[in-house]
Amino acid sequence: MAKYLSLLPVRRIDATYTIFEKAVEIKATNNLSVCDSWIIATAIAANATLVHKDTEFEQVKRAVKLKQLPYKKGGS
């Protein structure tokens, strides 16, 4: 799997204490899951745009750049 990662426009970001602290703050102040809080905190730390299909991320649109993808019409 690792050999395919280089084919994608992504980069690995390891967890840091700063990301951990931000995730805790986000979780404590928003109605989000722990996983979503980590994702948002990581995007903030990386100054990245968070690309998603999850309307719950709209809660933090002032804290992180968001790009919501459209949903498919007519099923899965």
Protein backbone atom coordinates (compact mmCIF):
# COMPACT_ATOMS: atom_id res chain seq x y z
CA MET A 1 0.00 0.00 0.00
CA ALA A 2 2.80 2.45 0.80
CA LYS A 3 4.08 2.30 -2.77
CA TYR A 4 0.75 3.71 -4.01
CA LEU A 5 0.73 6.58 -1.54
CA SER A 6 3.36 8.39 -3.57
CA LEU A 7 0.96 8.43 -6.53
CA LEU A 8 -1.55 10.58 -4.64
CA PRO A 9 -1.36 14.31 -3.87
CA VAL A 10 -1.19 13.68 -0.12
CA ARG A 11 1.47 13.84 2.55
CA ARG A 12 1.82 12.17 5.91
CA ILE A 13 1.38 14.32 9.00
CA ASP A 14 2.40 12.73 12.29
CA ALA A 15 0.52 13.53 15.47
CA THR A 16 2.09 16.14 17.72
CA TYR A 17 1.21 17.43 21.15
CA THR A 18 0.04 20.68 19.54
CA ILE A 19 -2.39 18.77 17.31
CA PHE A 20 -3.53 16.75 20.32
CA GLU A 21 -4.24 19.91 22.35
CA LYS A 22 -6.17 21.47 19.45
CA ALA A 23 -8.19 18.26 18.95
CA VAL A 24 -9.13 18.28 22.65
CA GLU A 25 -10.21 21.92 22.41
CA ILE A 26 -12.28 21.26 19.28
CA LYS A 27 -13.95 18.21 20.82
CA ALA A 28 -14.75 20.10 24.02
CA THR A 29 -16.33 23.05 22.23
CA ASN A 30 -18.18 21.40 19.34
CA ASN A 31 -20.60 18.56 18.72
CA LEU A 32 -18.07 16.43 16.82
CA SER A 33 -16.60 12.97 17.15
CA VAL A 34 -13.08 12.45 18.47
CA CYS A 35 -11.97 11.36 14.99
CA ASP A 36 -13.43 14.46 13.34
CA SER A 37 -11.73 16.62 15.97
CA TRP A 38 -8.35 15.04 15.14
CA ILE A 39 -8.94 15.54 11.41
CA ILE A 40 -9.80 19.22 11.91
CA ALA A 41 -6.88 19.84 14.28
CA THR A 42 -4.50 18.26 11.79
CA ALA A 43 -5.83 20.39 8.94
CA ILE A 44 -5.39 23.51 11.08
CA ALA A 45 -1.82 22.57 12.02
CA ALA A 46 -0.95 21.92 8.37
CA ASN A 47 -2.73 25.08 7.19
CA ALA A 48 -4.57 22.78 4.80
CA THR A 49 -7.99 22.82 3.20
CA LEU A 50 -10.17 20.08 4.63
CA VAL A 51 -11.98 18.39 1.73
CA HIS A 52 -15.08 16.57 2.94
CA LYS A 53 -18.67 15.39 2.49
CA ASP A 54 -19.61 15.77 6.17
CA THR A 55 -21.94 18.64 7.04
CA GLU A 56 -20.83 18.42 10.69
CA PHE A 57 -17.55 20.08 9.72
CA GLU A 58 -19.47 23.30 9.04
CA GLN A 59 -19.39 23.89 12.83
CA VAL A 60 -15.72 24.85 12.57
CA LYS A 61 -15.72 26.75 9.27
CA ARG A 62 -14.23 29.81 11.02
CA ALA A 63 -11.26 27.78 12.28
CA VAL A 64 -10.28 25.80 9.18
CA LYS A 65 -10.56 26.15 5.42
CA LEU A 66 -13.26 23.80 4.13
CA LYS A 67 -14.12 22.43 0.69
CA GLN A 68 -17.35 20.44 0.73
CA LEU A 69 -17.70 17.91 -2.08
CA PRO A 70 -21.10 17.40 -3.72
CA TYR A 71 -23.14 14.32 -2.98
CA LYS A 72 -24.05 11.89 -5.73
CA LYS A 73 -27.63 12.18 -6.89
CA GLY A 74 -29.87 9.12 -6.99
CA GLY A 75 -28.22 6.65 -4.63
CA SER A 76 -24.87 5.33 -3.52
